[in-house]
Amino acid sequence: MMDGKHTFGAVVPLPSGRLPSGSPDAAIICYPCWLSREVIESESTSEYQWSYRGDVHRLDATGGRVALVGGIGVGGPAAAMLVEELGAHGVHRFIVVGMAGVLHKDLEPCGFAVCDRALRDEGVSHHYLPPGRYVEASEELSTRLTAELREDGAAVRVGPTWTTDAPYRETAEEVRRYRDEGIATVEMEAASVFAVAQLRGYEAAAGFVVSDLLTEEGWAGHFQAADLRPNLRRLLAAAMRTLAPEA
């Protein structure tokens, strides 16, 4: 893990100016491309015009205040850049919706996990925050997302996630150590998103559906499991309800 030896001085500011009319103030970063396409094809949305990567569609049911973002690619750097760019457009609340590996056999394939903090085993967070082992999610958003899932009848595991840049370099020793530390899941973006949010004063949470199992003995994928897609739909719906403006 990086030791966080960066210095934190003044940085080059992002461009400033008038925000486009109807800018959203919250965004769901949706990693399964099929899922974001499904929503765009079935729900009433308005495409948000901007020059950065990714497809951004405002959800008309929220008055355009919540956007669905897809097609951004994987990994912490891409996620951090997206949060920075959206933040400059006035988006200050974020929920990541995606899949994650699980380190505990008692968390079933296609189960739900909401991470309350992320182990910083990636590079981006060390450019944003002083040295530290974890970075916290937004307690308010995480609590509300968990409540929405449970209201829908889902069993939800709340706990830390392990964010790594190198999913093909996970070792048996790391898996054992992090599992014993109480870490539930492993993925590639949460720590980076949380770090940008913490520095900028935004709120960010992340929810996952379990897609694979990682143990000292090996790796097992469950990407074709019958409940995977339906549960991702449930997670996305819960994220929409969490971020929707109050009536």
Protein backbone atom coordinates (compact mmCIF):
# COMPACT_ATOMS: atom_id res chain seq x y z
CA MET A 1 0.00 0.00 0.00
CA MET A 2 1.24 3.50 -0.77
CA ASP A 3 2.60 5.49 2.16
CA GLY A 4 0.99 8.79 1.21
CA LYS A 5 4.19 10.86 0.85
CA HIS A 6 2.57 13.49 -1.35
CA THR A 7 2.63 17.11 -0.26
CA PHE A 8 -0.65 18.98 -0.21
CA GLY A 9 -0.29 22.52 -1.47
CA ALA A 10 -2.26 24.72 -3.84
CA VAL A 11 -3.42 22.90 -6.96
CA VAL A 12 -4.37 24.16 -10.38
CA PRO A 13 -8.08 25.10 -10.15
CA LEU A 14 -10.76 23.64 -12.37
CA PRO A 15 -12.36 25.99 -14.90
CA SER A 16 -15.20 28.05 -13.49
CA GLY A 17 -18.23 29.60 -15.16
CA ARG A 18 -21.99 29.43 -15.46
CA LEU A 19 -23.48 25.99 -15.07
CA PRO A 20 -25.64 24.72 -17.91
CA SER A 21 -29.37 25.13 -17.37
CA GLY A 22 -30.92 22.23 -15.49
CA SER A 23 -27.69 20.87 -14.04
CA PRO A 24 -28.31 17.86 -11.74
CA ASP A 25 -27.20 18.01 -8.12
CA ALA A 26 -26.84 14.24 -7.57
CA ALA A 27 -25.56 11.36 -9.66
CA ILE A 28 -25.65 7.58 -9.72
CA ILE A 29 -22.42 6.17 -11.17
CA CYS A 30 -23.72 2.96 -12.75
CA TYR A 31 -21.02 0.49 -13.79
CA PRO A 32 -23.05 -2.24 -15.55
CA CYS A 33 -23.52 -0.69 -19.01
CA TRP A 34 -26.55 -2.87 -19.77
CA LEU A 35 -28.27 -1.51 -16.67
CA SER A 36 -27.86 2.17 -17.51
CA ARG A 37 -28.98 1.47 -21.09
CA GLU A 38 -32.03 -0.36 -19.78
CA VAL A 39 -33.06 2.63 -17.68
CA ILE A 40 -32.53 5.08 -20.54
CA GLU A 41 -34.69 2.93 -22.82
CA SER A 42 -37.48 2.38 -20.29
CA GLU A 43 -37.59 5.57 -18.21
CA SER A 44 -38.22 9.20 -19.14
CA THR A 45 -34.79 10.85 -19.21
CA SER A 46 -33.09 13.92 -20.64
CA GLU A 47 -29.54 13.70 -21.95
CA TYR A 48 -27.18 16.11 -20.23
CA GLN A 49 -24.81 17.70 -22.72
CA TRP A 50 -21.22 17.96 -21.60
CA SER A 51 -17.76 17.48 -23.05
CA TYR A 52 -16.38 14.82 -20.67
CA ARG A 53 -16.54 11.04 -21.12
CA GLY A 54 -19.52 9.02 -20.06
CA ASP A 55 -23.22 9.17 -20.83
CA VAL A 56 -25.17 11.42 -18.47
CA HIS A 57 -28.97 11.34 -18.45
CA ARG A 58 -31.13 13.30 -16.03
CA LEU A 59 -34.02 11.30 -14.61
CA ASP A 60 -37.19 13.23 -15.38
CA ALA A 61 -39.02 11.65 -12.42
CA THR A 62 -36.64 13.58 -10.13
CA GLY A 63 -37.17 16.86 -11.93
CA GLY A 64 -33.79 16.36 -13.57
CA ARG A 65 -31.97 16.75 -10.26
CA VAL A 66 -30.62 13.18 -10.25
CA ALA A 67 -28.48 11.97 -13.14
CA LEU A 68 -27.61 8.45 -14.23
CA VAL A 69 -24.02 8.12 -15.47
CA GLY A 70 -22.75 5.15 -17.46
CA GLY A 71 -19.99 4.18 -19.85
CA ILE A 72 -17.07 5.70 -17.95
CA GLY A 73 -14.68 2.74 -17.78
CA VAL A 74 -13.33 1.09 -14.64
CA GLY A 75 -10.77 2.02 -12.01
CA GLY A 76 -10.06 4.73 -9.48
CA PRO A 77 -8.55 7.36 -11.80
CA ALA A 78 -11.55 7.32 -14.16
CA ALA A 79 -13.97 7.47 -11.23
CA ALA A 80 -12.10 10.32 -9.54
CA MET A 81 -11.96 12.37 -12.73
CA LEU A 82 -15.67 11.84 -13.26
CA VAL A 83 -16.48 13.06 -9.73
CA GLU A 84 -14.26 16.10 -10.23
CA GLU A 85 -15.92 16.99 -13.54
CA LEU A 86 -19.45 16.40 -12.28
CA GLY A 87 -18.62 18.35 -9.13
CA ALA A 88 -17.63 21.32 -11.27
CA HIS A 89 -21.09 21.03 -12.86
CA GLY A 90 -22.80 21.27 -9.47
CA VAL A 91 -23.21 17.57 -8.62
CA HIS A 92 -22.33 17.10 -4.95
CA ARG A 93 -23.99 13.78 -4.01
CA PHE A 94 -22.90 10.47 -5.51
CA ILE A 95 -23.84 6.82 -5.22
CA VAL A 96 -21.77 4.11 -6.92
CA VAL A 97 -23.80 1.12 -8.14
CA GLY A 98 -21.89 -1.92 -9.29
CA MET A 99 -20.63 -5.43 -8.65
CA ALA A 100 -17.95 -6.54 -6.21
CA GLY A 101 -16.08 -9.62 -5.17
CA VAL A 102 -16.68 -10.92 -1.66
CA LEU A 103 -14.11 -12.21 0.83
CA HIS A 104 -16.59 -13.94 3.17
CA LYS A 105 -18.29 -17.18 2.22
CA ASP A 106 -21.27 -16.24 4.42
CA LEU A 107 -22.19 -13.43 2.00
CA GLU A 108 -24.04 -15.25 -0.74
CA PRO A 109 -23.60 -14.69 -4.49
CA CYS A 110 -25.93 -11.90 -5.64
CA GLY A 111 -26.17 -10.58 -2.07
CA PHE A 112 -26.15 -6.87 -1.28
CA ALA A 113 -23.32 -4.92 0.32
CA VAL A 114 -23.10 -1.25 1.27
CA CYS A 115 -19.61 -0.11 2.22
CA ASP A 116 -19.19 2.33 5.09
CA ARG A 117 -15.46 2.87 4.39
CA ALA A 118 -12.84 1.78 1.90
CA LEU A 119 -9.32 0.42 2.34
CA ARG A 120 -7.01 2.67 0.33
CA ASP A 121 -5.04 0.06 -1.63
CA GLU A 122 -5.06 2.24 -4.78
CA GLY A 123 -3.24 5.34 -5.92
CA VAL A 124 -5.78 8.12 -6.32
CA SER A 125 -6.77 8.64 -2.69
CA HIS A 126 -3.15 9.30 -1.72
CA HIS A 127 -3.15 12.37 -3.96
CA TYR A 128 -6.24 13.72 -2.20
CA LEU A 129 -5.86 12.86 1.47
CA PRO A 130 -3.05 12.61 4.03
CA PRO A 131 -1.80 9.13 4.93
CA GLY A 132 -4.45 6.82 6.34
CA ARG A 133 -5.63 3.25 5.99
CA TYR A 134 -9.29 3.92 5.27
CA VAL A 135 -11.48 6.64 3.80
CA GLU A 136 -15.06 6.98 5.01
CA ALA A 137 -18.24 6.98 2.97
CA SER A 138 -21.01 9.47 3.68
CA GLU A 139 -22.75 8.13 6.77
CA GLU A 140 -26.06 9.76 5.83
CA LEU A 141 -26.16 8.48 2.25
CA SER A 142 -24.97 5.00 3.26
CA THR A 143 -27.59 4.75 6.00
CA ARG A 144 -30.37 5.87 3.67
CA LEU A 145 -29.27 3.50 0.89
CA THR A 146 -29.17 0.60 3.35
CA ALA A 147 -32.63 1.51 4.66
CA GLU A 148 -34.07 1.65 1.14
CA LEU A 149 -32.70 -1.80 0.33
CA ARG A 150 -34.01 -3.29 3.57
CA GLU A 151 -37.39 -1.67 2.99
CA ASP A 152 -37.40 -3.61 -0.30
CA GLY A 153 -36.83 -6.83 1.64
CA ALA A 154 -33.11 -7.21 0.90
CA ALA A 155 -30.58 -8.55 3.37
CA VAL A 156 -27.69 -6.07 3.35
CA ARG A 157 -24.12 -6.50 4.59
CA VAL A 158 -22.71 -3.16 5.78
CA GLY A 159 -18.94 -2.98 6.18
CA PRO A 160 -15.61 -1.99 4.66
CA THR A 161 -14.49 -2.65 1.11
CA TRP A 162 -10.99 -3.19 -0.26
CA THR A 163 -10.26 -0.91 -3.22
CA THR A 164 -7.39 -2.11 -5.40
CA ASP A 165 -5.90 -1.04 -8.72
CA ALA A 166 -4.68 -4.55 -9.52
CA PRO A 167 -7.39 -7.23 -9.41
CA TYR A 168 -5.03 -9.74 -11.03
CA ARG A 169 -2.44 -9.25 -8.27
CA GLU A 170 -4.53 -10.09 -5.20
CA THR A 171 -2.61 -12.49 -2.98
CA ALA A 172 -3.80 -15.21 -0.63
CA GLU A 173 -2.09 -13.38 2.25
CA GLU A 174 -3.97 -10.17 1.49
CA VAL A 175 -7.29 -11.98 1.19
CA ARG A 176 -6.78 -13.68 4.56
CA ARG A 177 -5.60 -10.52 6.31
CA TYR A 178 -8.34 -8.26 5.00
CA ARG A 179 -11.06 -10.83 5.62
CA ASP A 180 -9.87 -11.23 9.20
CA GLU A 181 -9.90 -7.44 9.49
CA GLY A 182 -13.60 -7.50 8.70
CA ILE A 183 -13.48 -6.30 5.11
CA ALA A 184 -16.46 -7.64 3.20
CA THR A 185 -15.86 -6.85 -0.47
CA VAL A 186 -13.21 -6.01 -3.05
CA GLU A 187 -13.59 -3.61 -6.01
CA MET A 188 -11.70 -0.86 -7.85
CA GLU A 189 -13.32 2.56 -7.30
CA ALA A 190 -14.82 3.26 -3.87
CA ALA A 191 -11.74 4.64 -2.08
CA SER A 192 -11.02 7.02 -4.95
CA VAL A 193 -14.59 8.31 -5.09
CA PHE A 194 -14.75 8.75 -1.31
CA ALA A 195 -11.41 10.57 -1.24
CA VAL A 196 -12.44 13.13 -3.86
CA ALA A 197 -15.76 13.61 -2.09
CA GLN A 198 -14.11 14.12 1.28
CA LEU A 199 -11.67 16.70 -0.03
CA ARG A 200 -14.33 18.61 -1.98
CA GLY A 201 -17.00 18.46 0.71
CA TYR A 202 -19.33 16.19 -1.26
CA GLU A 203 -21.32 13.15 -0.13
CA ALA A 204 -20.58 9.72 -1.60
CA ALA A 205 -21.77 6.18 -0.94
CA ALA A 206 -21.40 2.84 -2.72
CA GLY A 207 -23.57 -0.24 -2.99
CA PHE A 208 -22.67 -3.55 -4.59
CA VAL A 209 -24.19 -6.83 -5.64
CA VAL A 210 -21.87 -9.78 -5.10
CA SER A 211 -20.64 -11.13 -8.43
CA ASP A 212 -17.73 -13.37 -7.39
CA LEU A 213 -16.01 -14.99 -4.43
CA LEU A 214 -12.32 -14.52 -3.58
CA THR A 215 -10.66 -16.82 -1.04
CA GLU A 216 -7.16 -18.13 -0.34
CA GLU A 217 -8.08 -21.21 -2.36
CA GLY A 218 -8.99 -19.30 -5.50
CA TRP A 219 -11.60 -17.27 -7.32
CA ALA A 220 -15.12 -18.22 -8.37
CA GLY A 221 -17.30 -16.09 -10.63
CA HIS A 222 -21.08 -15.91 -10.42
CA PHE A 223 -21.69 -13.49 -13.28
CA GLN A 224 -24.34 -15.71 -14.86
CA ALA A 225 -26.29 -16.29 -11.65
CA ALA A 226 -30.04 -15.89 -12.08
CA ASP A 227 -30.43 -13.25 -9.37
CA LEU A 228 -27.53 -11.01 -10.40
CA ARG A 229 -29.33 -8.75 -12.86
CA PRO A 230 -32.59 -8.50 -10.90
CA ASN A 231 -30.66 -7.55 -7.77
CA LEU A 232 -28.65 -4.92 -9.63
CA ARG A 233 -31.97 -3.45 -10.75
CA ARG A 234 -33.12 -3.42 -7.11
CA LEU A 235 -29.90 -1.72 -6.03
CA LEU A 236 -30.22 0.94 -8.71
CA ALA A 237 -33.85 1.59 -7.75
CA ALA A 238 -32.80 1.99 -4.11
CA ALA A 239 -30.09 4.46 -5.14
CA MET A 240 -32.64 6.47 -7.12
CA ARG A 241 -34.96 6.65 -4.12
CA THR A 242 -32.07 7.62 -1.85
CA LEU A 243 -31.02 10.56 -4.02
CA ALA A 244 -34.47 11.69 -5.18
CA PRO A 245 -35.46 15.15 -3.93
CA GLU A 246 -37.99 15.09 -1.16
CA ALA A 247 -41.53 15.93 -2.14
